[in-house]
Amino acid sequence: MQLIDTHIHLYASEFNEDRDEIIRDAQEKSIQYFLMPNIDSSSKDAMLHLTEQYEDQCFAMMGLHPCSVKENFRKELKTVETELKKGIYYGVGEIGLDLYWDLKFVKEQEEALKIQLQWAAETNLPAVIHSRESTQQIIEIIQSLKLKNLKGIFHCFTGTPEQAKTIIDLGFHLGIGGVLTYKNSGLDKTIADINLRHLVLETDAPYLPPTPHRGKRNLPAYLFLIAEKLAWVKNVSLEEVAERTSENAIELFEI
């Protein structure tokens, strides 16, 4: 049995003291691959260093996170464009809109998202979408662009059943993480009738730890807890969840 973490920030400073140890621990718990989304130009080098150190386990994406879209976003996008041309990345991400923290650069976030979605379509790479408080807006942007070959993941999906169906119809998967384990999230009911072929697993570590670790640092080994919860929600075996979600991730990212 193997699990694949499709969204983890292993290069984050929160792991500087024990990164090798927690990767080994995750691998011992059958977590085989780690897909790492970029944040901005400041995270790129640390991320790429990990792909060199763990070339058979860690795979990088390139994108500009919406929370890093500021006055200099065009300069940041130039870095993304240059990096994508190198052909060493497995996805375009983490991109999207964040309407929770700061609304000052919403228009710039929208422009950056549209540009990066176009790059994802042109390179045939999956787009990994950050959609905090913005799921419907991003759905409408994708629909308006009418891009061919667009695919990817709505990371940390917390939308409605109707939005889930629309996202799937647009060719995207739903990223299921620690929120599924939260008592009052309602995500279990939202995805109850969604086929496993549309779902992938993620931790977003070091953020969004699953129950019973809320309030602490999230670890890649906790992906097992998310998989167990998904198996319970879908009333299937853990092995079936692992097999199906791993197949989805391998096919999507062409690992």
Protein backbone atom coordinates (compact mmCIF):
# COMPACT_ATOMS: atom_id res chain seq x y z
CA MET A 1 0.00 0.00 0.00
CA GLN A 2 1.22 3.49 -0.81
CA LEU A 3 -0.09 6.99 -0.18
CA ILE A 4 0.85 10.17 -2.06
CA ASP A 5 0.84 13.62 -0.49
CA THR A 6 -0.14 15.91 -3.34
CA HIS A 7 0.36 19.15 -1.40
CA ILE A 8 3.06 19.63 1.22
CA HIS A 9 5.53 22.41 2.03
CA LEU A 10 8.43 20.21 3.13
CA TYR A 11 10.88 23.04 2.46
CA ALA A 12 9.20 25.28 5.08
CA SER A 13 11.35 26.53 7.96
CA GLU A 14 9.12 24.65 10.41
CA PHE A 15 10.93 21.48 9.27
CA ASN A 16 14.49 22.80 9.40
CA GLU A 17 15.40 20.99 12.62
CA ASP A 18 14.14 17.50 11.78
CA ARG A 19 13.25 17.33 8.07
CA ASP A 20 15.13 14.12 7.29
CA GLU A 21 13.64 12.37 10.28
CA ILE A 22 10.04 13.27 9.45
CA ILE A 23 10.51 12.23 5.82
CA ARG A 24 11.81 8.85 6.95
CA ASP A 25 8.91 8.50 9.36
CA ALA A 26 6.41 9.28 6.61
CA GLN A 27 8.02 6.76 4.28
CA GLU A 28 7.80 4.10 6.98
CA LYS A 29 4.07 4.81 7.07
CA SER A 30 3.76 4.05 3.33
CA ILE A 31 3.80 7.67 2.11
CA GLN A 32 5.87 7.31 -1.01
CA TYR A 33 5.78 10.63 -2.89
CA PHE A 34 5.56 14.30 -1.91
CA LEU A 35 4.34 17.00 -4.31
CA MET A 36 5.58 20.42 -3.24
CA PRO A 37 3.91 23.64 -4.42
CA ASN A 38 6.00 26.79 -4.59
CA ILE A 39 5.11 30.01 -2.76
CA ASP A 40 7.24 32.70 -4.43
CA SER A 41 10.85 33.43 -5.39
CA SER A 42 11.97 33.19 -1.75
CA SER A 43 10.91 29.52 -1.43
CA LYS A 44 12.23 28.27 -4.77
CA ASP A 45 15.82 27.41 -3.83
CA ALA A 46 14.92 25.50 -0.67
CA MET A 47 12.30 23.54 -2.58
CA LEU A 48 14.67 22.63 -5.41
CA HIS A 49 17.33 21.58 -2.92
CA LEU A 50 14.89 19.00 -1.55
CA THR A 51 14.18 17.64 -5.02
CA GLU A 52 17.92 17.08 -5.43
CA GLN A 53 18.29 15.47 -2.03
CA TYR A 54 15.21 13.26 -2.44
CA GLU A 55 14.95 13.02 -6.20
CA ASP A 56 12.84 9.85 -6.13
CA GLN A 57 10.37 11.09 -3.53
CA CYS A 58 10.03 14.90 -3.72
CA PHE A 59 8.62 16.65 -6.77
CA ALA A 60 8.40 20.40 -7.23
CA MET A 61 5.80 22.71 -8.71
CA MET A 62 6.28 26.30 -9.76
CA GLY A 63 3.83 29.12 -9.16
CA LEU A 64 3.10 32.34 -7.31
CA HIS A 65 0.89 31.94 -4.23
CA PRO A 66 -1.93 34.51 -4.08
CA CYS A 67 -0.80 35.70 -0.65
CA SER A 68 2.53 36.63 -2.23
CA VAL A 69 0.91 38.78 -4.92
CA LYS A 70 2.01 42.33 -4.07
CA GLU A 71 3.21 45.40 -5.97
CA ASN A 72 6.05 43.38 -7.51
CA PHE A 73 3.86 40.51 -8.75
CA ARG A 74 4.92 40.95 -12.38
CA LYS A 75 8.56 40.46 -11.41
CA GLU A 76 7.57 37.37 -9.43
CA LEU A 77 5.60 36.04 -12.40
CA LYS A 78 8.65 36.49 -14.61
CA THR A 79 10.54 34.16 -12.29
CA VAL A 80 7.71 31.61 -12.53
CA GLU A 81 7.70 31.84 -16.32
CA THR A 82 11.48 31.43 -16.55
CA GLU A 83 11.42 28.43 -14.22
CA LEU A 84 8.57 26.68 -16.03
CA LYS A 85 10.55 26.82 -19.26
CA LYS A 86 13.20 24.62 -17.65
CA GLY A 87 10.78 21.69 -17.82
CA ILE A 88 11.67 20.30 -14.38
CA TYR A 89 8.37 20.97 -12.65
CA TYR A 90 5.36 18.69 -12.16
CA GLY A 91 2.66 21.34 -11.76
CA VAL A 92 1.81 25.03 -11.77
CA GLY A 93 1.14 25.97 -8.21
CA GLU A 94 0.31 27.10 -5.75
CA ILE A 95 -1.89 29.62 -7.56
CA GLY A 96 -5.32 31.08 -6.96
CA LEU A 97 -7.16 33.69 -4.92
CA ASP A 98 -7.13 34.30 -1.18
CA LEU A 99 -9.97 36.55 -0.04
CA TYR A 100 -9.45 35.82 3.64
CA TRP A 101 -6.25 37.59 4.66
CA ASP A 102 -5.90 40.73 2.57
CA LEU A 103 -8.13 42.24 -0.12
CA LYS A 104 -5.70 44.98 -1.15
CA PHE A 105 -4.37 43.13 -4.20
CA VAL A 106 -7.47 41.23 -5.35
CA LYS A 107 -7.27 42.54 -8.93
CA GLU A 108 -3.60 41.65 -9.10
CA GLN A 109 -4.38 38.18 -7.71
CA GLU A 110 -6.97 37.68 -10.45
CA GLU A 111 -4.53 38.74 -13.15
CA ALA A 112 -1.77 36.52 -11.77
CA LEU A 113 -4.17 33.58 -11.62
CA LYS A 114 -5.33 34.00 -15.22
CA ILE A 115 -1.75 34.23 -16.50
CA GLN A 116 -0.65 31.14 -14.58
CA LEU A 117 -3.70 29.14 -15.66
CA GLN A 118 -2.74 29.90 -19.25
CA TRP A 119 0.79 28.65 -18.56
CA ALA A 120 -0.63 25.47 -17.05
CA ALA A 121 -2.69 24.84 -20.17
CA GLU A 122 0.23 25.62 -22.50
CA THR A 123 2.63 23.30 -20.65
CA ASN A 124 0.00 20.59 -20.02
CA LEU A 125 0.86 20.70 -16.32
CA PRO A 126 -1.76 20.41 -13.58
CA ALA A 127 -2.73 23.68 -11.92
CA VAL A 128 -2.88 23.48 -8.13
CA ILE A 129 -5.47 25.95 -6.93
CA HIS A 130 -5.60 27.84 -3.63
CA SER A 131 -9.20 28.95 -3.17
CA ARG A 132 -9.64 30.30 0.34
CA GLU A 133 -12.98 32.15 0.49
CA SER A 134 -12.87 32.27 -3.32
CA THR A 135 -14.01 28.93 -4.75
CA GLN A 136 -16.88 30.35 -6.79
CA GLN A 137 -14.82 33.23 -8.14
CA ILE A 138 -12.11 30.86 -9.35
CA ILE A 139 -14.66 28.53 -10.94
CA GLU A 140 -16.04 31.49 -12.90
CA ILE A 141 -12.55 32.60 -13.97
CA ILE A 142 -11.74 29.12 -15.26
CA GLN A 143 -15.05 28.96 -17.10
CA SER A 144 -14.46 32.37 -18.67
CA LEU A 145 -10.98 31.47 -19.94
CA LYS A 146 -12.19 28.40 -21.86
CA LEU A 147 -8.67 26.95 -21.87
CA LYS A 148 -8.04 23.59 -23.48
CA ASN A 149 -6.09 20.87 -21.65
CA LEU A 150 -6.62 22.52 -18.27
CA LYS A 151 -6.48 20.10 -15.34
CA GLY A 152 -5.38 20.10 -11.75
CA ILE A 153 -6.48 20.16 -8.13
CA PHE A 154 -8.60 22.46 -6.02
CA HIS A 155 -6.31 22.22 -3.00
CA CYS A 156 -7.95 22.00 0.45
CA PHE A 157 -11.42 21.79 -1.07
CA THR A 158 -14.14 23.07 1.27
CA GLY A 159 -16.84 24.10 -1.19
CA THR A 160 -20.42 22.97 -1.71
CA PRO A 161 -21.58 19.75 -3.40
CA GLU A 162 -22.64 21.84 -6.40
CA GLN A 163 -19.20 23.45 -6.62
CA ALA A 164 -17.58 20.03 -6.32
CA LYS A 165 -19.55 18.77 -9.30
CA THR A 166 -18.67 21.84 -11.37
CA ILE A 167 -14.98 21.53 -10.50
CA ILE A 168 -14.97 17.88 -11.55
CA ASP A 169 -16.79 18.76 -14.78
CA LEU A 170 -14.01 21.31 -15.46
CA GLY A 171 -11.45 18.50 -15.31
CA PHE A 172 -10.10 19.06 -11.82
CA HIS A 173 -9.64 16.83 -8.79
CA LEU A 174 -10.54 17.74 -5.23
CA GLY A 175 -7.67 17.87 -2.74
CA ILE A 176 -8.77 16.31 0.55
CA GLY A 177 -6.77 17.15 3.66
CA GLY A 178 -7.05 17.57 7.40
CA VAL A 179 -10.31 19.53 7.21
CA LEU A 180 -12.06 16.22 6.49
CA THR A 181 -11.30 15.15 10.07
CA TYR A 182 -12.74 18.30 11.67
CA LYS A 183 -15.96 17.59 13.51
CA ASN A 184 -18.08 20.43 12.14
CA SER A 185 -16.48 20.98 8.72
CA GLY A 186 -19.28 19.23 6.82
CA LEU A 187 -16.76 18.08 4.22
CA ASP A 188 -17.61 14.45 4.92
CA LYS A 189 -21.19 15.04 3.76
CA THR A 190 -20.08 17.10 0.75
CA ILE A 191 -17.89 14.36 -0.68
CA ALA A 192 -19.95 11.37 0.46
CA ASP A 193 -21.29 10.71 -3.04
CA ILE A 194 -18.20 11.77 -5.02
CA ASN A 195 -16.35 8.92 -6.68
CA LEU A 196 -12.82 8.28 -5.41
CA ARG A 197 -11.47 8.76 -8.93
CA HIS A 198 -11.99 12.51 -8.46
CA LEU A 199 -10.11 12.78 -5.14
CA VAL A 200 -6.47 13.08 -4.10
CA LEU A 201 -4.95 13.24 -0.62
CA GLU A 202 -2.86 16.05 0.85
CA THR A 203 -1.59 17.35 4.18
CA ASP A 204 -0.58 20.97 3.45
CA ALA A 205 2.02 20.34 6.17
CA PRO A 206 3.15 22.12 8.25
CA TYR A 207 -0.31 23.71 8.14
CA LEU A 208 -3.86 22.36 8.69
CA PRO A 209 -3.11 19.33 10.86
CA PRO A 210 -5.86 16.72 11.14
CA THR A 211 -7.63 15.77 14.33
CA PRO A 212 -6.30 14.97 16.95
CA HIS A 213 -3.31 17.20 16.19
CA ARG A 214 -5.07 20.53 15.61
CA GLY A 215 -3.08 23.48 16.89
CA LYS A 216 0.23 21.69 16.37
CA ARG A 217 2.65 21.37 13.49
CA ASN A 218 1.25 19.18 10.73
CA LEU A 219 3.45 16.29 9.63
CA PRO A 220 3.47 14.27 6.40
CA ALA A 221 2.91 11.06 8.39
CA TYR A 222 -0.53 12.39 9.31
CA LEU A 223 -1.68 11.72 5.74
CA PHE A 224 -2.51 8.26 7.05
CA LEU A 225 -5.17 9.78 9.36
CA ILE A 226 -6.79 11.59 6.44
CA ALA A 227 -6.84 8.42 4.37
CA GLU A 228 -8.43 6.52 7.26
CA LYS A 229 -11.13 9.15 7.62
CA LEU A 230 -11.83 9.11 3.89
CA ALA A 231 -12.15 5.32 3.97
CA TRP A 232 -14.72 5.67 6.77
CA VAL A 233 -16.66 8.37 4.90
CA LYS A 234 -16.74 6.30 1.71
CA ASN A 235 -17.34 3.01 3.57
CA VAL A 236 -14.46 1.31 1.76
CA SER A 237 -11.16 -0.19 2.85
CA LEU A 238 -8.08 1.91 3.53
CA GLU A 239 -6.35 -0.09 0.81
CA GLU A 240 -8.95 0.99 -1.75
CA VAL A 241 -8.55 4.65 -0.78
CA ALA A 242 -4.77 4.36 -1.03
CA GLU A 243 -4.86 2.59 -4.39
CA ARG A 244 -7.39 4.87 -6.05
CA THR A 245 -6.07 8.23 -4.79
CA SER A 246 -2.49 7.21 -5.59
CA GLU A 247 -3.47 6.21 -9.12
CA ASN A 248 -5.16 9.59 -9.51
CA ALA A 249 -2.05 11.46 -8.37
CA ILE A 250 0.37 9.43 -10.49
CA GLU A 251 -1.77 9.95 -13.58
CA LEU A 252 -2.32 13.64 -12.96
CA PHE A 253 1.29 14.56 -12.20
CA GLU A 254 2.80 11.94 -14.53
CA ILE A 255 5.16 10.74 -11.81
